[in-house]
Amino acid sequence: MSIFKKLYGGSWSVSKSQPLAEVAPEVKSGRIVEGQYGLQVVCTMQDGRTGYMPLSKNSELQAGDELPMATAKVLTLSKEGEDNTYRIVEK
């Protein structure tokens, strides 16, 4: 494999879209915050713990917004030669 194919070839594509409630039923709520690499969702679990997941760049939510749990989805992004990555989107 060419080093240039590894560095520049291909693009990420959505390989799966699932409701957040199915993927992580322990998530009680989510709030949008600024992160080092863009917007993130701070997920608060039923037991009070928190976790972070990047917000999709296609989202219309802004820092400080609540994540609408009823419509939130987890997008699985895939790219040949890379591990899957995940994003949250509100619709």
PDB file of N, CA and C in Angstrom:
ATOM      1  N   MET A   1       0.845  -1.175   0.000  1.00  0.00           N
ATOM      2  CA  MET A   1       0.000   0.000   0.000  1.00  0.00           C
ATOM      3  C   MET A   1       0.891   1.239   0.000  1.00  0.00           C
ATOM      4  N   SER A   2       0.530   2.173  -0.828  1.00  0.00           N
ATOM      5  CA  SER A   2       1.258   3.434  -0.911  1.00  0.00           C
ATOM      6  C   SER A   2       1.023   4.260   0.351  1.00  0.00           C
ATOM      7  N   ILE A   3       2.048   4.937   0.793  1.00  0.00           N
ATOM      8  CA  ILE A   3       1.897   5.814   1.961  1.00  0.00           C
ATOM      9  C   ILE A   3       0.870   6.913   1.684  1.00  0.00           C
ATOM     10  N   PHE A   4       0.769   7.342   0.436  1.00  0.00           N
ATOM     11  CA  PHE A   4      -0.189   8.399   0.110  1.00  0.00           C
ATOM     12  C   PHE A   4      -1.621   7.894   0.159  1.00  0.00           C
ATOM     13  N   LYS A   5      -1.855   6.648  -0.209  1.00  0.00           N
ATOM     14  CA  LYS A   5      -3.196   6.095  -0.092  1.00  0.00           C
ATOM     15  C   LYS A   5      -3.606   6.029   1.378  1.00  0.00           C
ATOM     16  N   LYS A   6      -2.675   5.629   2.231  1.00  0.00           N
ATOM     17  CA  LYS A   6      -2.961   5.539   3.661  1.00  0.00           C
ATOM     18  C   LYS A   6      -3.265   6.915   4.250  1.00  0.00           C
ATOM     19  N   LEU A   7      -2.513   7.919   3.834  1.00  0.00           N
ATOM     20  CA  LEU A   7      -2.690   9.248   4.408  1.00  0.00           C
ATOM     21  C   LEU A   7      -3.870  10.010   3.816  1.00  0.00           C
ATOM     22  N   TYR A   8      -4.108   9.858   2.512  1.00  0.00           N
ATOM     23  CA  TYR A   8      -5.070  10.724   1.853  1.00  0.00           C
ATOM     24  C   TYR A   8      -6.222  10.005   1.163  1.00  0.00           C
ATOM     25  N   GLY A   9      -6.126   8.701   0.977  1.00  0.00           N
ATOM     26  CA  GLY A   9      -7.131   7.990   0.203  1.00  0.00           C
ATOM     27  C   GLY A   9      -8.414   7.737   0.966  1.00  0.00           C
ATOM     28  N   GLY A  10      -9.497   7.743   0.240  1.00  0.00           N
ATOM     29  CA  GLY A  10     -10.786   7.402   0.821  1.00  0.00           C
ATOM     30  C   GLY A  10     -11.345   8.466   1.728  1.00  0.00           C
ATOM     31  N   SER A  11     -12.598   8.273   2.090  1.00  0.00           N
ATOM     32  CA  SER A  11     -13.230   9.198   3.017  1.00  0.00           C
ATOM     33  C   SER A  11     -14.131   8.405   3.948  1.00  0.00           C
ATOM     34  N   TRP A  12     -14.478   9.008   5.052  1.00  0.00           N
ATOM     35  CA  TRP A  12     -15.337   8.362   6.031  1.00  0.00           C
ATOM     36  C   TRP A  12     -16.766   8.341   5.485  1.00  0.00           C
ATOM     37  N   SER A  13     -17.458   7.246   5.719  1.00  0.00           N
ATOM     38  CA  SER A  13     -18.857   7.159   5.318  1.00  0.00           C
ATOM     39  C   SER A  13     -19.659   6.517   6.446  1.00  0.00           C
ATOM     40  N   VAL A  14     -20.943   6.862   6.495  1.00  0.00           N
ATOM     41  CA  VAL A  14     -21.824   6.306   7.523  1.00  0.00           C
ATOM     42  C   VAL A  14     -22.137   4.863   7.157  1.00  0.00           C
ATOM     43  N   SER A  15     -21.739   3.945   8.013  1.00  0.00           N
ATOM     44  CA  SER A  15     -22.010   2.532   7.761  1.00  0.00           C
ATOM     45  C   SER A  15     -23.203   2.028   8.580  1.00  0.00           C
ATOM     46  N   LYS A  16     -23.582   2.793   9.613  1.00  0.00           N
ATOM     47  CA  LYS A  16     -24.717   2.391  10.441  1.00  0.00           C
ATOM     48  C   LYS A  16     -25.259   3.612  11.173  1.00  0.00           C
ATOM     49  N   SER A  17     -26.565   3.636  11.374  1.00  0.00           N
ATOM     50  CA  SER A  17     -27.226   4.683  12.149  1.00  0.00           C
ATOM     51  C   SER A  17     -28.225   3.991  13.068  1.00  0.00           C
ATOM     52  N   GLN A  18     -28.056   4.208  14.379  1.00  0.00           N
ATOM     53  CA  GLN A  18     -28.916   3.546  15.355  1.00  0.00           C
ATOM     54  C   GLN A  18     -29.384   4.553  16.404  1.00  0.00           C
ATOM     55  N   PRO A  19     -30.599   4.383  16.916  1.00  0.00           N
ATOM     56  CA  PRO A  19     -31.062   5.254  17.996  1.00  0.00           C
ATOM     57  C   PRO A  19     -30.132   5.154  19.207  1.00  0.00           C
ATOM     58  N   LEU A  20     -29.807   6.293  19.796  1.00  0.00           N
ATOM     59  CA  LEU A  20     -28.944   6.310  20.977  1.00  0.00           C
ATOM     60  C   LEU A  20     -29.526   5.441  22.088  1.00  0.00           C
ATOM     61  N   ALA A  21     -30.848   5.452  22.238  1.00  0.00           N
ATOM     62  CA  ALA A  21     -31.497   4.676  23.302  1.00  0.00           C
ATOM     63  C   ALA A  21     -31.250   3.178  23.142  1.00  0.00           C
ATOM     64  N   GLU A  22     -31.033   2.699  21.907  1.00  0.00           N
ATOM     65  CA  GLU A  22     -30.739   1.279  21.685  1.00  0.00           C
ATOM     66  C   GLU A  22     -29.264   0.970  21.927  1.00  0.00           C
ATOM     67  N   VAL A  23     -28.391   1.863  21.495  1.00  0.00           N
ATOM     68  CA  VAL A  23     -26.945   1.644  21.609  1.00  0.00           C
ATOM     69  C   VAL A  23     -26.477   1.800  23.050  1.00  0.00           C
ATOM     70  N   ALA A  24     -27.008   2.803  23.725  1.00  0.00           N
ATOM     71  CA  ALA A  24     -26.575   3.101  25.102  1.00  0.00           C
ATOM     72  C   ALA A  24     -27.802   3.468  25.951  1.00  0.00           C
ATOM     73  N   PRO A  25     -28.594   2.466  26.338  1.00  0.00           N
ATOM     74  CA  PRO A  25     -29.813   2.752  27.102  1.00  0.00           C
ATOM     75  C   PRO A  25     -29.555   3.367  28.477  1.00  0.00           C
ATOM     76  N   GLU A  26     -28.306   3.293  28.937  1.00  0.00           N
ATOM     77  CA  GLU A  26     -27.969   3.869  30.245  1.00  0.00           C
ATOM     78  C   GLU A  26     -27.840   5.389  30.215  1.00  0.00           C
ATOM     79  N   VAL A  27     -27.845   5.996  29.014  1.00  0.00           N
ATOM     80  CA  VAL A  27     -27.726   7.457  28.906  1.00  0.00           C
ATOM     81  C   VAL A  27     -29.066   8.095  29.245  1.00  0.00           C
ATOM     82  N   LYS A  28     -29.047   8.972  30.248  1.00  0.00           N
ATOM     83  CA  LYS A  28     -30.251   9.656  30.711  1.00  0.00           C
ATOM     84  C   LYS A  28     -30.449  10.982  29.985  1.00  0.00           C
ATOM     85  N   SER A  29     -29.340  11.720  29.751  1.00  0.00           N
ATOM     86  CA  SER A  29     -29.447  13.022  29.106  1.00  0.00           C
ATOM     87  C   SER A  29     -28.107  13.389  28.470  1.00  0.00           C
ATOM     88  N   GLY A  30     -28.160  14.402  27.616  1.00  0.00           N
ATOM     89  CA  GLY A  30     -26.943  14.873  26.967  1.00  0.00           C
ATOM     90  C   GLY A  30     -26.957  16.378  26.791  1.00  0.00           C
ATOM     91  N   ARG A  31     -25.800  16.999  26.943  1.00  0.00           N
ATOM     92  CA  ARG A  31     -25.649  18.451  26.761  1.00  0.00           C
ATOM     93  C   ARG A  31     -24.463  18.664  25.837  1.00  0.00           C
ATOM     94  N   ILE A  32     -24.599  19.648  24.944  1.00  0.00           N
ATOM     95  CA  ILE A  32     -23.556  19.948  23.976  1.00  0.00           C
ATOM     96  C   ILE A  32     -22.543  20.899  24.605  1.00  0.00           C
ATOM     97  N   VAL A  33     -21.249  20.567  24.461  1.00  0.00           N
ATOM     98  CA  VAL A  33     -20.164  21.395  24.994  1.00  0.00           C
ATOM     99  C   VAL A  33     -19.084  21.555  23.933  1.00  0.00           C
ATOM    100  N   GLU A  34     -18.264  22.600  24.100  1.00  0.00           N
ATOM    101  CA  GLU A  34     -17.099  22.802  23.233  1.00  0.00           C
ATOM    102  C   GLU A  34     -16.017  21.815  23.649  1.00  0.00           C
ATOM    103  N   GLY A  35     -15.384  21.187  22.675  1.00  0.00           N
ATOM    104  CA  GLY A  35     -14.283  20.283  22.934  1.00  0.00           C
ATOM    105  C   GLY A  35     -13.049  20.749  22.180  1.00  0.00           C
ATOM    106  N   GLN A  36     -11.952  20.090  22.388  1.00  0.00           N
ATOM    107  CA  GLN A  36     -10.703  20.459  21.738  1.00  0.00           C
ATOM    108  C   GLN A  36     -10.805  20.350  20.212  1.00  0.00           C
ATOM    109  N   TYR A  37     -11.588  19.380  19.723  1.00  0.00           N
ATOM    110  CA  TYR A  37     -11.691  19.150  18.279  1.00  0.00           C
ATOM    111  C   TYR A  37     -13.091  19.427  17.740  1.00  0.00           C
ATOM    112  N   GLY A  38     -13.875  20.227  18.424  1.00  0.00           N
ATOM    113  CA  GLY A  38     -15.232  20.532  17.978  1.00  0.00           C
ATOM    114  C   GLY A  38     -16.231  20.261  19.083  1.00  0.00           C
ATOM    115  N   LEU A  39     -17.480  20.265  18.717  1.00  0.00           N
ATOM    116  CA  LEU A  39     -18.545  20.065  19.695  1.00  0.00           C
ATOM    117  C   LEU A  39     -18.632  18.605  20.116  1.00  0.00           C
ATOM    118  N   GLN A  40     -18.943  18.402  21.391  1.00  0.00           N
ATOM    119  CA  GLN A  40     -19.096  17.066  21.953  1.00  0.00           C
ATOM    120  C   GLN A  40     -20.390  17.004  22.745  1.00  0.00           C
ATOM    121  N   VAL A  41     -20.855  15.790  22.976  1.00  0.00           N
ATOM    122  CA  VAL A  41     -22.012  15.567  23.830  1.00  0.00           C
ATOM    123  C   VAL A  41     -21.511  14.997  25.144  1.00  0.00           C
ATOM    124  N   VAL A  42     -21.854  15.668  26.240  1.00  0.00           N
ATOM    125  CA  VAL A  42     -21.593  15.118  27.571  1.00  0.00           C
ATOM    126  C   VAL A  42     -22.826  14.308  27.916  1.00  0.00           C
ATOM    127  N   CYS A  43     -22.670  12.996  27.970  1.00  0.00           N
ATOM    128  CA  CYS A  43     -23.777  12.105  28.278  1.00  0.00           C
ATOM    129  C   CYS A  43     -23.781  11.818  29.774  1.00  0.00           C
ATOM    130  N   THR A  44     -24.911  12.046  30.411  1.00  0.00           N
ATOM    131  CA  THR A  44     -25.079  11.716  31.822  1.00  0.00           C
ATOM    132  C   THR A  44     -25.822  10.394  31.900  1.00  0.00           C
ATOM    133  N   MET A  45     -25.223   9.447  32.611  1.00  0.00           N
ATOM    134  CA  MET A  45     -25.795   8.106  32.728  1.00  0.00           C
ATOM    135  C   MET A  45     -26.814   8.059  33.859  1.00  0.00           C
ATOM    136  N   GLN A  46     -27.606   7.004  33.880  1.00  0.00           N
ATOM    137  CA  GLN A  46     -28.621   6.810  34.917  1.00  0.00           C
ATOM    138  C   GLN A  46     -28.012   6.832  36.317  1.00  0.00           C
ATOM    139  N   ASP A  47     -26.766   6.335  36.442  1.00  0.00           N
ATOM    140  CA  ASP A  47     -26.126   6.268  37.765  1.00  0.00           C
ATOM    141  C   ASP A  47     -25.306   7.516  38.100  1.00  0.00           C
ATOM    142  N   GLY A  48     -25.375   8.561  37.243  1.00  0.00           N
ATOM    143  CA  GLY A  48     -24.691   9.816  37.526  1.00  0.00           C
ATOM    144  C   GLY A  48     -23.331   9.975  36.865  1.00  0.00           C
ATOM    145  N   ARG A  49     -22.744   8.881  36.343  1.00  0.00           N
ATOM    146  CA  ARG A  49     -21.462   9.004  35.640  1.00  0.00           C
ATOM    147  C   ARG A  49     -21.653   9.801  34.357  1.00  0.00           C
ATOM    148  N   THR A  50     -20.551  10.300  33.801  1.00  0.00           N
ATOM    149  CA  THR A  50     -20.617  11.019  32.531  1.00  0.00           C
ATOM    150  C   THR A  50     -19.646  10.409  31.532  1.00  0.00           C
ATOM    151  N   GLY A  51     -19.961  10.590  30.267  1.00  0.00           N
ATOM    152  CA  GLY A  51     -19.105  10.149  29.174  1.00  0.00           C
ATOM    153  C   GLY A  51     -19.224  11.151  28.043  1.00  0.00           C
ATOM    154  N   TYR A  52     -18.269  11.154  27.153  1.00  0.00           N
ATOM    155  CA  TYR A  52     -18.230  12.120  26.054  1.00  0.00           C
ATOM    156  C   TYR A  52     -18.235  11.405  24.717  1.00  0.00           C
ATOM    157  N   MET A  53     -18.938  11.985  23.735  1.00  0.00           N
ATOM    158  CA  MET A  53     -18.906  11.482  22.368  1.00  0.00           C
ATOM    159  C   MET A  53     -18.991  12.689  21.435  1.00  0.00           C
ATOM    160  N   PRO A  54     -18.206  12.679  20.365  1.00  0.00           N
ATOM    161  CA  PRO A  54     -18.245  13.806  19.431  1.00  0.00           C
ATOM    162  C   PRO A  54     -19.624  13.971  18.791  1.00  0.00           C
ATOM    163  N   LEU A  55     -19.994  15.215  18.551  1.00  0.00           N
ATOM    164  CA  LEU A  55     -21.230  15.541  17.853  1.00  0.00           C
ATOM    165  C   LEU A  55     -20.934  15.573  16.357  1.00  0.00           C
ATOM    166  N   SER A  56     -21.848  15.088  15.557  1.00  0.00           N
ATOM    167  CA  SER A  56     -21.681  15.102  14.107  1.00  0.00           C
ATOM    168  C   SER A  56     -21.527  16.532  13.596  1.00  0.00           C
ATOM    169  N   LYS A  57     -20.683  16.709  12.606  1.00  0.00           N
ATOM    170  CA  LYS A  57     -20.523  18.032  11.991  1.00  0.00           C
ATOM    171  C   LYS A  57     -21.780  18.453  11.240  1.00  0.00           C
ATOM    172  N   ASN A  58     -22.689  17.516  10.972  1.00  0.00           N
ATOM    173  CA  ASN A  58     -23.952  17.825  10.300  1.00  0.00           C
ATOM    174  C   ASN A  58     -25.030  18.299  11.272  1.00  0.00           C
ATOM    175  N   SER A  59     -24.720  18.329  12.543  1.00  0.00           N
ATOM    176  CA  SER A  59     -25.687  18.728  13.558  1.00  0.00           C
ATOM    177  C   SER A  59     -25.919  20.231  13.524  1.00  0.00           C
ATOM    178  N   GLU A  60     -27.124  20.626  13.915  1.00  0.00           N
ATOM    179  CA  GLU A  60     -27.461  22.045  14.030  1.00  0.00           C
ATOM    180  C   GLU A  60     -27.398  22.524  15.474  1.00  0.00           C
ATOM    181  N   LEU A  61     -27.059  21.635  16.402  1.00  0.00           N
ATOM    182  CA  LEU A  61     -26.993  22.002  17.820  1.00  0.00           C
ATOM    183  C   LEU A  61     -25.756  22.849  18.103  1.00  0.00           C
ATOM    184  N   GLN A  62     -25.851  23.661  19.136  1.00  0.00           N
ATOM    185  CA  GLN A  62     -24.770  24.543  19.562  1.00  0.00           C
ATOM    186  C   GLN A  62     -24.393  24.236  21.007  1.00  0.00           C
ATOM    187  N   ALA A  63     -23.230  24.710  21.427  1.00  0.00           N
ATOM    188  CA  ALA A  63     -22.796  24.540  22.819  1.00  0.00           C
ATOM    189  C   ALA A  63     -23.870  25.096  23.750  1.00  0.00           C
ATOM    190  N   GLY A  64     -24.189  24.320  24.772  1.00  0.00           N
ATOM    191  CA  GLY A  64     -25.208  24.713  25.740  1.00  0.00           C
ATOM    192  C   GLY A  64     -26.563  24.076  25.475  1.00  0.00           C
ATOM    193  N   ASP A  65     -26.793  23.577  24.260  1.00  0.00           N
ATOM    194  CA  ASP A  65     -28.066  22.938  23.926  1.00  0.00           C
ATOM    195  C   ASP A  65     -28.183  21.572  24.600  1.00  0.00           C
ATOM    196  N   GLU A  66     -29.411  21.175  24.872  1.00  0.00           N
ATOM    197  CA  GLU A  66     -29.697  19.824  25.352  1.00  0.00           C
ATOM    198  C   GLU A  66     -29.856  18.912  24.142  1.00  0.00           C
ATOM    199  N   LEU A  67     -29.361  17.694  24.239  1.00  0.00           N
ATOM    200  CA  LEU A  67     -29.537  16.710  23.181  1.00  0.00           C
ATOM    201  C   LEU A  67     -30.952  16.168  23.267  1.00  0.00           C
ATOM    202  N   PRO A  68     -31.721  16.225  22.167  1.00  0.00           N
ATOM    203  CA  PRO A  68     -33.076  15.657  22.203  1.00  0.00           C
ATOM    204  C   PRO A  68     -32.997  14.132  22.191  1.00  0.00           C
ATOM    205  N   MET A  69     -33.153  13.526  23.346  1.00  0.00           N
ATOM    206  CA  MET A  69     -32.942  12.090  23.512  1.00  0.00           C
ATOM    207  C   MET A  69     -33.890  11.250  22.656  1.00  0.00           C
ATOM    208  N   ALA A  70     -35.101  11.746  22.413  1.00  0.00           N
ATOM    209  CA  ALA A  70     -36.086  10.976  21.651  1.00  0.00           C
ATOM    210  C   ALA A  70     -35.662  10.746  20.201  1.00  0.00           C
ATOM    211  N   THR A  71     -34.852  11.647  19.644  1.00  0.00           N
ATOM    212  CA  THR A  71     -34.465  11.520  18.235  1.00  0.00           C
ATOM    213  C   THR A  71     -32.967  11.315  18.032  1.00  0.00           C
ATOM    214  N   ALA A  72     -32.179  11.326  19.107  1.00  0.00           N
ATOM    215  CA  ALA A  72     -30.721  11.212  18.985  1.00  0.00           C
ATOM    216  C   ALA A  72     -30.316   9.860  18.410  1.00  0.00           C
ATOM    217  N   LYS A  73     -29.338   9.895  17.508  1.00  0.00           N
ATOM    218  CA  LYS A  73     -28.821   8.674  16.889  1.00  0.00           C
ATOM    219  C   LYS A  73     -27.304   8.627  17.006  1.00  0.00           C
ATOM    220  N   VAL A  74     -26.772   7.415  17.008  1.00  0.00           N
ATOM    221  CA  VAL A  74     -25.329   7.196  16.959  1.00  0.00           C
ATOM    222  C   VAL A  74     -24.987   6.778  15.532  1.00  0.00           C
ATOM    223  N   LEU A  75     -24.093   7.530  14.903  1.00  0.00           N
ATOM    224  CA  LEU A  75     -23.621   7.205  13.566  1.00  0.00           C
ATOM    225  C   LEU A  75     -22.306   6.456  13.683  1.00  0.00           C
ATOM    226  N   THR A  76     -22.192   5.332  13.003  1.00  0.00           N
ATOM    227  CA  THR A  76     -20.935   4.602  12.900  1.00  0.00           C
ATOM    228  C   THR A  76     -20.303   5.003  11.584  1.00  0.00           C
ATOM    229  N   LEU A  77     -19.099   5.580  11.650  1.00  0.00           N
ATOM    230  CA  LEU A  77     -18.377   6.002  10.448  1.00  0.00           C
ATOM    231  C   LEU A  77     -17.269   5.010  10.163  1.00  0.00           C
ATOM    232  N   SER A  78     -17.151   4.621   8.902  1.00  0.00           N
ATOM    233  CA  SER A  78     -16.162   3.624   8.502  1.00  0.00           C
ATOM    234  C   SER A  78     -15.296   4.154   7.374  1.00  0.00           C
ATOM    235  N   LYS A  79     -14.065   3.670   7.364  1.00  0.00           N
ATOM    236  CA  LYS A  79     -13.110   4.013   6.310  1.00  0.00           C
ATOM    237  C   LYS A  79     -12.159   2.833   6.182  1.00  0.00           C
ATOM    238  N   GLU A  80     -11.892   2.417   4.966  1.00  0.00           N
ATOM    239  CA  GLU A  80     -11.017   1.273   4.738  1.00  0.00           C
ATOM    240  C   GLU A  80      -9.659   1.489   5.406  1.00  0.00           C
ATOM    241  N   GLY A  81      -9.215   0.485   6.152  1.00  0.00           N
ATOM    242  CA  GLY A  81      -7.914   0.539   6.808  1.00  0.00           C
ATOM    243  C   GLY A  81      -7.913   1.265   8.137  1.00  0.00           C
ATOM    244  N   GLU A  82      -9.075   1.742   8.598  1.00  0.00           N
ATOM    245  CA  GLU A  82      -9.167   2.479   9.863  1.00  0.00           C
ATOM    246  C   GLU A  82     -10.201   1.809  10.770  1.00  0.00           C
ATOM    247  N   ASP A  83     -10.058   2.000  12.077  1.00  0.00           N
ATOM    248  CA  ASP A  83     -11.079   1.543  13.011  1.00  0.00           C
ATOM    249  C   ASP A  83     -12.305   2.437  12.861  1.00  0.00           C
ATOM    250  N   ASN A  84     -13.480   1.882  13.137  1.00  0.00           N
ATOM    251  CA  ASN A  84     -14.701   2.678  13.102  1.00  0.00           C
ATOM    252  C   ASN A  84     -14.620   3.799  14.127  1.00  0.00           C
ATOM    253  N   THR A  85     -15.336   4.863  13.853  1.00  0.00           N
ATOM    254  CA  THR A  85     -15.455   5.968  14.799  1.00  0.00           C
ATOM    255  C   THR A  85     -16.937   6.297  14.915  1.00  0.00           C
ATOM    256  N   TYR A  86     -17.315   7.010  15.957  1.00  0.00           N
ATOM    257  CA  TYR A  86     -18.731   7.232  16.257  1.00  0.00           C
ATOM    258  C   TYR A  86     -19.010   8.711  16.467  1.00  0.00           C
ATOM    259  N   ARG A  87     -20.215   9.130  16.080  1.00  0.00           N
ATOM    260  CA  ARG A  87     -20.682  10.499  16.265  1.00  0.00           C
ATOM    261  C   ARG A  87     -22.145  10.453  16.671  1.00  0.00           C
ATOM    262  N   ILE A  88     -22.592  11.482  17.365  1.00  0.00           N
ATOM    263  CA  ILE A  88     -24.005  11.604  17.713  1.00  0.00           C
ATOM    264  C   ILE A  88     -24.602  12.710  16.844  1.00  0.00           C
ATOM    265  N   VAL A  89     -25.819  12.471  16.395  1.00  0.00           N
ATOM    266  CA  VAL A  89     -26.588  13.463  15.642  1.00  0.00           C
ATOM    267  C   VAL A  89     -27.992  13.501  16.245  1.00  0.00           C
ATOM    268  N   GLU A  90     -28.631  14.657  16.190  1.00  0.00           N
ATOM    269  CA  GLU A  90     -29.922  14.800  16.871  1.00  0.00           C
ATOM    270  C   GLU A  90     -31.111  14.315  16.070  1.00  0.00           C
ATOM    271  N   LYS A  91     -30.962  14.041  14.794  1.00  0.00           N
ATOM    272  CA  LYS A  91     -32.115  13.580  13.998  1.00  0.00           C
ATOM    273  C   LYS A  91     -31.715  12.561  12.974  1.00  0.00           C
TER     274      LYS A  91
END
